[in-house]
Protein backbone atom coordinates (compact mmCIF):
# COMPACT_ATOMS: atom_id res chain seq x y z
CA UNK A 1 68.29 -58.41 14.81
CA UNK A 2 69.92 -59.33 18.10
CA UNK A 3 69.54 -61.82 20.90
CA UNK A 4 68.39 -60.56 24.32
CA UNK A 5 70.04 -62.12 27.35
CA UNK A 6 68.64 -61.57 30.85
CA UNK A 7 70.52 -63.10 33.79
CA UNK A 8 69.59 -63.07 37.50
CA UNK A 9 67.71 -59.79 37.07
CA UNK A 10 66.37 -58.35 40.33
CA UNK A 11 64.24 -55.26 40.80
CA UNK A 12 62.78 -54.37 44.18
CA UNK A 13 61.04 -51.22 45.40
CA UNK A 14 61.50 -52.30 49.03
CA UNK A 15 62.48 -55.40 50.97
CA UNK A 16 58.83 -56.42 51.00
CA UNK A 17 58.14 -55.53 47.37
CA UNK A 18 60.41 -57.57 45.08
CA UNK A 19 59.01 -57.17 41.57
CA UNK A 20 61.62 -59.21 39.70
CA UNK A 21 63.33 -62.02 41.60
CA UNK A 22 66.49 -63.26 39.85
CA UNK A 23 64.89 -63.57 36.41
CA UNK A 24 66.76 -65.64 33.80
CA UNK A 25 65.46 -65.37 30.24
CA UNK A 26 66.90 -65.56 26.73
CA UNK A 27 65.14 -64.22 23.63
CA UNK A 28 66.46 -65.79 20.46
CA UNK A 29 67.51 -63.69 17.51
CA UNK A 30 64.47 -62.94 15.34
CA UNK A 31 62.04 -64.39 17.91
CA UNK A 32 58.84 -62.78 19.19
CA UNK A 33 58.65 -63.74 22.86
CA UNK A 34 55.46 -63.01 24.78
CA UNK A 35 55.55 -61.98 28.45
CA UNK A 36 52.26 -63.11 29.94
CA UNK A 37 50.92 -62.75 33.43
CA UNK A 38 48.43 -60.99 35.71
CA UNK A 39 48.73 -57.39 36.80
CA UNK A 40 51.63 -56.88 39.19
CA UNK A 41 53.58 -59.97 38.11
CA UNK A 42 56.55 -57.89 36.87
CA UNK A 43 56.20 -58.18 33.09
CA UNK A 44 56.09 -54.44 32.35
CA UNK A 45 58.92 -53.80 34.82
CA UNK A 46 61.01 -56.40 33.00
CA UNK A 47 60.27 -54.71 29.68
CA UNK A 48 61.21 -51.30 31.10
CA UNK A 49 64.49 -52.71 32.41
CA UNK A 50 65.32 -54.01 28.92
CA UNK A 51 64.43 -50.60 27.50
CA UNK A 52 66.60 -48.79 30.03
CA UNK A 53 63.60 -46.97 31.51
CA UNK A 54 64.06 -48.71 34.86
CA UNK A 55 67.21 -49.77 36.68
CA UNK A 56 67.45 -53.15 38.43
CA UNK A 57 69.47 -53.60 41.61
CA UNK A 58 71.21 -56.72 40.33
CA UNK A 59 71.60 -58.91 37.28
CA UNK A 60 72.64 -58.42 33.69
CA UNK A 61 70.91 -57.47 30.42
CA UNK A 62 72.64 -57.86 27.07
CA UNK A 63 71.45 -57.15 23.53
CA UNK A 64 73.55 -58.92 20.96
CA UNK A 65 77.15 -58.81 22.19
CA UNK A 66 76.68 -55.56 24.16
CA UNK A 67 76.03 -55.45 27.89
CA UNK A 68 73.32 -52.84 28.47
CA UNK A 69 72.82 -53.18 32.22
CA UNK A 70 75.09 -54.66 34.88
CA UNK A 71 74.98 -52.93 38.28
CA UNK A 72 77.88 -54.99 39.59
CA UNK A 73 80.10 -53.53 36.85
CA UNK A 74 78.47 -50.09 37.09
CA UNK A 75 77.36 -50.51 33.49
CA UNK A 76 74.20 -48.78 32.26
CA UNK A 77 73.55 -47.81 28.63
CA UNK A 78 70.84 -45.10 28.36
CA UNK A 79 67.64 -45.90 26.43
CA UNK A 80 68.51 -43.76 23.41
CA UNK A 81 71.76 -45.68 22.88
CA UNK A 82 70.23 -49.18 22.93
CA UNK A 83 68.88 -49.19 19.35
CA UNK A 84 65.40 -50.15 20.48
CA UNK A 85 61.91 -49.43 19.20
CA UNK A 86 59.06 -49.32 21.72
CA UNK A 87 55.28 -49.37 21.24
CA UNK A 88 53.30 -48.06 24.21
CA UNK A 89 49.78 -48.83 25.40
CA UNK A 90 48.63 -45.21 25.07
CA UNK A 91 50.21 -44.55 21.62
CA UNK A 92 52.36 -41.64 23.00
CA UNK A 93 51.89 -39.49 19.87
CA UNK A 94 52.32 -35.71 19.80
CA UNK A 95 48.89 -34.28 18.93
CA UNK A 96 50.30 -31.06 17.42
CA UNK A 97 52.53 -32.91 14.94
CA UNK A 98 51.47 -34.62 11.75
CA UNK A 99 51.67 -38.38 11.36
CA UNK A 100 54.82 -38.01 9.27
CA UNK A 101 56.42 -35.72 11.86
CA UNK A 102 55.63 -38.20 14.67
CA UNK A 103 57.18 -41.07 12.73
CA UNK A 104 60.17 -38.96 11.70
CA UNK A 105 61.03 -37.86 15.26
CA UNK A 106 63.50 -40.67 16.14
CA UNK A 107 65.23 -40.26 12.76
CA UNK A 108 65.65 -36.53 13.32
CA UNK A 109 67.17 -37.28 16.73
CA UNK A 110 69.76 -39.35 14.87
CA UNK A 111 70.53 -36.59 12.41
CA UNK A 112 68.71 -38.04 9.38
CA UNK A 113 67.47 -35.29 7.04
CA UNK A 114 66.14 -34.63 3.54
CA UNK A 115 65.11 -37.33 1.11
CA UNK A 116 66.56 -40.09 3.29
CA UNK A 117 64.21 -39.07 6.11
CA UNK A 118 61.08 -38.70 3.96
CA UNK A 119 61.78 -41.97 2.18
CA UNK A 120 62.15 -43.97 5.37
CA UNK A 121 59.03 -42.40 6.88
CA UNK A 122 57.06 -43.32 3.77
CA UNK A 123 58.37 -46.89 3.90
CA UNK A 124 57.41 -47.26 7.57
CA UNK A 125 53.89 -45.91 6.99
CA UNK A 126 53.46 -48.24 4.03
CA UNK A 127 54.52 -51.20 6.19
CA UNK A 128 51.75 -50.47 8.70
CA UNK A 129 49.12 -49.83 6.04
CA UNK A 130 48.94 -46.01 6.31
CA UNK A 131 50.63 -44.77 3.12
CA UNK A 132 48.18 -41.84 2.70
CA UNK A 133 48.06 -40.61 6.31
CA UNK A 134 51.33 -38.66 6.44
CA UNK A 135 49.76 -35.17 6.56
CA UNK A 136 47.00 -35.97 9.04
CA UNK A 137 47.11 -35.32 12.78
CA UNK A 138 46.72 -38.11 15.37
CA UNK A 139 43.38 -36.66 16.48
CA UNK A 140 42.00 -37.30 13.00
CA UNK A 141 42.75 -41.02 13.24
CA UNK A 142 40.98 -43.93 14.91
CA UNK A 143 42.57 -45.74 17.84
CA UNK A 144 43.74 -48.55 15.60
CA UNK A 145 45.30 -46.10 13.14
CA UNK A 146 47.06 -44.23 15.94
CA UNK A 147 48.59 -47.47 17.17
CA UNK A 148 49.78 -48.21 13.62
CA UNK A 149 51.52 -44.81 13.64
CA UNK A 150 53.14 -45.73 16.96
CA UNK A 151 54.40 -48.98 15.42
CA UNK A 152 55.69 -47.12 12.36
CA UNK A 153 57.64 -44.76 14.65
CA UNK A 154 59.11 -47.77 16.47
CA UNK A 155 60.33 -49.52 13.31
CA UNK A 156 61.46 -46.52 11.26
CA UNK A 157 64.99 -46.60 12.71
CA UNK A 158 65.32 -50.32 11.91
CA UNK A 159 65.99 -51.23 15.57
CA UNK A 160 67.65 -54.46 16.61
CA UNK A 161 64.88 -55.08 19.18
CA UNK A 162 61.19 -54.14 19.31
CA UNK A 163 59.37 -53.82 22.65
CA UNK A 164 55.55 -53.89 22.91
CA UNK A 165 53.90 -52.85 26.20
CA UNK A 166 50.26 -54.03 26.02
CA UNK A 167 49.79 -52.18 22.70
CA UNK A 168 46.26 -53.45 22.00
CA UNK A 169 44.63 -53.08 25.42
CA UNK A 170 42.95 -49.76 24.56
CA UNK A 171 41.24 -51.15 21.44
CA UNK A 172 37.95 -52.97 21.01
CA UNK A 173 37.85 -56.73 20.39
CA UNK A 174 37.55 -56.54 16.60
CA UNK A 175 40.45 -54.07 16.29
CA UNK A 176 42.59 -56.19 18.61
CA UNK A 177 42.11 -59.22 16.37
CA UNK A 178 42.92 -57.21 13.25
CA UNK A 179 46.05 -55.53 14.65
CA UNK A 180 47.25 -58.78 16.20
CA UNK A 181 47.35 -60.33 12.73
CA UNK A 182 49.05 -57.24 11.32
CA UNK A 183 51.73 -57.21 14.04
CA UNK A 184 52.44 -60.88 13.40
CA UNK A 185 52.70 -60.27 9.64
CA UNK A 186 54.97 -57.27 10.26
CA UNK A 187 57.23 -59.35 12.47
CA UNK A 188 57.48 -62.05 9.82
CA UNK A 189 58.45 -59.43 7.21
CA UNK A 190 61.05 -57.61 9.33
CA UNK A 191 62.39 -60.50 11.42
CA UNK A 192 63.13 -58.11 14.30
CA UNK A 193 63.65 -59.66 17.74
CA UNK A 194 60.66 -58.65 19.88
CA UNK A 195 59.40 -58.74 23.45
CA UNK A 196 55.62 -58.42 23.76
CA UNK A 197 53.89 -57.78 27.11
CA UNK A 198 50.21 -58.60 27.59
CA UNK A 199 47.77 -60.10 30.10
CA UNK A 200 45.55 -61.43 27.28
CA UNK A 201 46.28 -65.09 26.57
CA UNK A 202 44.19 -65.10 23.38
CA UNK A 203 46.24 -62.20 22.05
CA UNK A 204 49.62 -63.74 22.73
CA UNK A 205 48.59 -67.17 21.48
CA UNK A 206 48.22 -65.78 17.98
CA UNK A 207 51.44 -63.78 18.06
CA UNK A 208 54.30 -65.34 19.96
CA UNK A 209 56.86 -67.93 18.98
CA UNK A 210 57.31 -68.66 22.69
CA UNK A 211 55.59 -67.47 25.86
CA UNK A 212 57.08 -66.75 29.29
CA UNK A 213 54.47 -66.74 32.06
CA UNK A 214 55.53 -64.55 34.98
CA UNK A 215 54.23 -65.05 38.51
CA UNK A 216 55.58 -63.63 41.73
CA UNK A 217 58.47 -61.97 39.94
CA UNK A 218 59.74 -65.21 38.41
CA UNK A 219 59.31 -67.15 35.19
CA UNK A 220 56.71 -69.77 36.11
CA UNK A 221 56.77 -71.42 32.68
CA UNK A 222 58.48 -70.94 29.32
CA UNK A 223 57.40 -72.70 26.15
CA UNK A 224 55.46 -72.48 22.92
CA UNK A 225 51.88 -71.18 23.19
CA UNK A 226 50.62 -74.73 22.65
CA UNK A 227 52.80 -76.11 25.45
CA UNK A 228 51.81 -73.40 27.91
CA UNK A 229 48.09 -73.43 27.12
CA UNK A 230 47.66 -77.22 27.00
CA UNK A 231 50.26 -78.36 29.56
CA UNK A 232 50.54 -75.63 32.23
CA UNK A 233 53.32 -76.27 34.72
CA UNK A 234 51.30 -75.46 37.86
CA UNK A 235 47.83 -74.59 39.06
CA UNK A 236 48.83 -70.93 39.13
CA UNK A 237 49.74 -71.00 35.44
CA UNK A 238 46.72 -73.16 34.62
CA UNK A 239 44.31 -70.68 36.19
CA UNK A 240 45.86 -67.81 34.31
CA UNK A 241 45.60 -69.52 30.91
CA UNK A 242 41.93 -70.36 31.36
CA UNK A 243 41.64 -73.58 33.37
CA UNK A 244 38.83 -73.09 35.87
CA UNK A 245 37.82 -76.63 36.85
CA UNK A 246 40.12 -78.52 39.25
CA UNK A 247 39.04 -81.98 40.35
CA UNK A 248 41.03 -83.61 43.20
CA UNK A 249 42.26 -87.16 42.82
CA UNK A 250 45.10 -89.57 43.54
CA UNK A 251 47.64 -90.73 40.98
CA UNK A 252 47.31 -94.47 40.32
CA UNK A 253 50.12 -94.81 37.80
CA UNK A 254 52.45 -92.66 35.72
CA UNK A 255 53.34 -93.95 32.27
CA UNK A 256 55.64 -91.52 30.46
CA UNK A 257 53.64 -88.40 29.62
CA UNK A 258 50.33 -89.92 30.81
CA UNK A 259 48.92 -90.35 34.28
CA UNK A 260 46.02 -92.48 35.49
CA UNK A 261 44.10 -90.85 38.31
CA UNK A 262 41.47 -92.13 40.71
CA UNK A 263 38.71 -89.52 40.94
CA UNK A 264 36.02 -90.49 43.46
CA UNK A 265 34.75 -93.88 42.18
CA UNK A 266 36.29 -93.84 38.71
CA UNK A 267 39.62 -93.60 36.91
CA UNK A 268 40.70 -90.91 34.46
CA UNK A 269 43.73 -90.92 32.16
CA UNK A 270 45.30 -87.69 30.89
CA UNK A 271 48.67 -86.04 30.17
CA UNK A 272 50.46 -84.84 33.28
CA UNK A 273 52.97 -82.16 34.22
CA UNK A 274 55.24 -82.77 37.21
CA UNK A 275 53.56 -85.85 38.71
CA UNK A 276 56.46 -87.92 39.99
CA UNK A 277 54.77 -91.20 40.89
CA UNK A 278 51.68 -93.08 42.12
CA UNK A 279 49.79 -92.53 45.38
CA UNK A 280 50.28 -88.77 45.24
CA UNK A 281 47.48 -86.20 45.48
CA UNK A 282 46.84 -84.52 42.14
CA UNK A 283 44.39 -82.21 40.41
CA UNK A 284 42.69 -83.04 37.13
CA UNK A 285 42.37 -79.65 35.42
CA UNK A 286 39.98 -78.64 32.65
CA UNK A 287 38.40 -75.58 31.10
CA UNK A 288 34.71 -75.12 31.77
CA UNK A 289 34.15 -74.29 28.11
CA UNK A 290 35.73 -77.61 27.09
CA UNK A 291 33.49 -79.78 29.29
CA UNK A 292 30.78 -81.96 27.80
CA UNK A 293 27.56 -82.51 29.77
CA UNK A 294 25.23 -85.22 28.51
CA UNK A 295 22.15 -86.91 29.96
CA UNK A 296 22.81 -90.24 31.67
CA UNK A 297 20.79 -93.17 32.87
CA UNK A 298 21.70 -94.70 36.22
CA UNK A 299 22.93 -97.84 34.48
CA UNK A 300 24.66 -96.08 31.57
CA UNK A 301 27.60 -98.26 30.48
CA UNK A 302 29.48 -95.20 29.28
CA UNK A 303 29.87 -93.95 32.84
CA UNK A 304 33.30 -95.60 32.96
CA UNK A 305 34.65 -93.88 29.85
CA UNK A 306 38.19 -92.59 30.44
CA UNK A 307 37.22 -88.96 29.91
CA UNK A 308 34.26 -88.93 32.29
CA UNK A 309 35.04 -86.88 35.40
CA UNK A 310 31.90 -87.93 37.18
CA UNK A 311 28.16 -88.49 37.17
CA UNK A 312 25.87 -86.20 39.10
CA UNK A 313 22.89 -83.87 39.11
CA UNK A 314 22.43 -80.44 37.54
CA UNK A 315 21.98 -77.90 40.34
CA UNK A 316 21.74 -74.64 38.37
CA UNK A 317 21.47 -73.38 34.79
CA UNK A 318 22.28 -69.79 33.79
CA UNK A 319 22.06 -68.19 30.35
CA UNK A 320 25.18 -66.31 29.22
CA UNK A 321 25.57 -64.05 26.21
CA UNK A 322 27.19 -66.76 24.11
CA UNK A 323 26.31 -69.94 25.94
CA UNK A 324 24.75 -71.68 28.93
CA UNK A 325 26.46 -72.14 32.30
CA UNK A 326 25.57 -75.46 33.90
CA UNK A 327 26.49 -76.33 37.50
CA UNK A 328 26.74 -80.03 38.27
CA UNK A 329 27.19 -81.60 41.70
CA UNK A 330 29.50 -84.61 41.37
CA UNK A 331 29.46 -86.93 44.42
CA UNK A 332 32.89 -87.16 46.02
CA UNK A 333 34.13 -84.24 43.93
CA UNK A 334 31.96 -81.18 44.44
CA UNK A 335 30.45 -78.69 42.05
CA UNK A 336 31.90 -78.21 38.59
CA UNK A 337 30.75 -75.50 36.20
CA UNK A 338 30.49 -76.21 32.48
CA UNK A 339 29.89 -73.57 29.82
CA UNK A 340 27.97 -75.07 26.92
CA UNK A 341 27.32 -73.62 23.49
CA UNK A 342 23.88 -72.43 22.49
CA UNK A 343 23.77 -75.33 20.01
CA UNK A 344 23.70 -77.90 22.83
CA UNK A 345 21.50 -80.73 21.53
CA UNK A 346 19.77 -81.54 24.81
CA UNK A 347 18.45 -78.70 26.97
CA UNK A 348 19.66 -78.80 30.56
CA UNK A 349 17.46 -78.29 33.58
CA UNK A 350 17.89 -78.62 37.34
CA UNK A 351 17.77 -82.16 38.66
CA UNK A 352 18.81 -83.88 35.43
CA UNK A 353 21.17 -86.83 35.87
CA UNK A 354 24.26 -86.20 33.70
CA UNK A 355 27.79 -87.31 32.89
CA UNK A 356 30.51 -84.65 32.85
CA UNK A 357 33.48 -85.39 30.59
CA UNK A 358 36.31 -83.63 28.80
CA UNK A 359 38.73 -84.65 26.07
CA UNK A 360 41.23 -81.90 27.02
CA UNK A 361 42.52 -82.62 30.52
CA UNK A 362 45.85 -82.19 32.27
CA UNK A 363 46.97 -83.67 35.58
CA UNK A 364 48.93 -81.45 37.99
CA UNK A 365 50.45 -82.06 41.41
CA UNK A 366 48.06 -80.94 44.13
CA UNK A 367 49.05 -77.93 46.19
CA UNK A 368 50.87 -79.09 49.30
CA UNK A 369 48.65 -79.20 52.33
CA UNK A 370 45.46 -79.04 50.29
CA UNK A 371 43.55 -82.31 50.26
CA UNK A 372 40.65 -80.77 48.36
CA UNK A 373 40.67 -77.81 45.97
CA UNK A 374 37.74 -75.68 44.99
CA UNK A 375 36.33 -76.40 41.54
CA UNK A 376 34.63 -73.10 40.98
CA UNK A 377 36.56 -69.94 40.19
CA UNK A 378 34.58 -66.76 39.45
């Protein structure tokens, strides 16, 4: 195990295409840190720089007490000398070699032979649940089994750091869930420091000790999965982790971690991130799947409940595979889209008068220069 230190790391392909912009990031010894972000945000480039497969123009990368990359000192340790294991998206297995030969390859490169080699290969295959697959070829295995072989090859040398580059993206949903649990269990058994790249927030939420969200070549937020997914630091992060309803308002008061917001003709209280004081434009953010839509009478006393975002009319209802999408026009706010479960007690139809509420809200500073923000994001 070893700590990974990344300081002021910069990688640019041209003056107009800066992929990593002075990234600072520390991965604790024995930690599994997730790198999360949309395509093109720089997460795979960062992983490749740590692996030594890409060279930054500036900054420093250390693993343990060794400096691996430092352009200012003309220091660059090649990938094979970094004591890393890497799991690729496309498995990267040799089809003409057996499973055992694929797993044994990095050991052979290090001069391991005989019973020591066969023993360590067997141990690695047992760790990934493939003790009887040694003589088979990759083409005889399922996608999930091939990725297990790739993981076995990465851990067989007992590396100080494991790198995962979207290892589950080629698998179906059920296999992703299964292998996610297995990777987490493997990490807990080995305790190896790991960096894990993905664009799937559900995947990383079940794996990582901490998550770094990358945006525009920088770390937009760093925290535990719970912190990032419930208290995103900006609208950009919020949208990426599944918030798709943004209701404009004005901060009335800030009391510690909570903020009271005036939304149209009502007030809403919720946790906030980065709201510095009253009378500032803010956004009340929610997930469409977390919204509650219930019928309302014009004189309903519950209309002033703290969690009610507004009262309006249903304008459209669409059936989804696993739920019902309900569009509601809220006066003074705009259209919000709720996704309700199929077990919704009261059927929704156009024209119905409803309250829209949510128990899981977060208040964010409004984007500068934007008095109103769109509520629908498809």
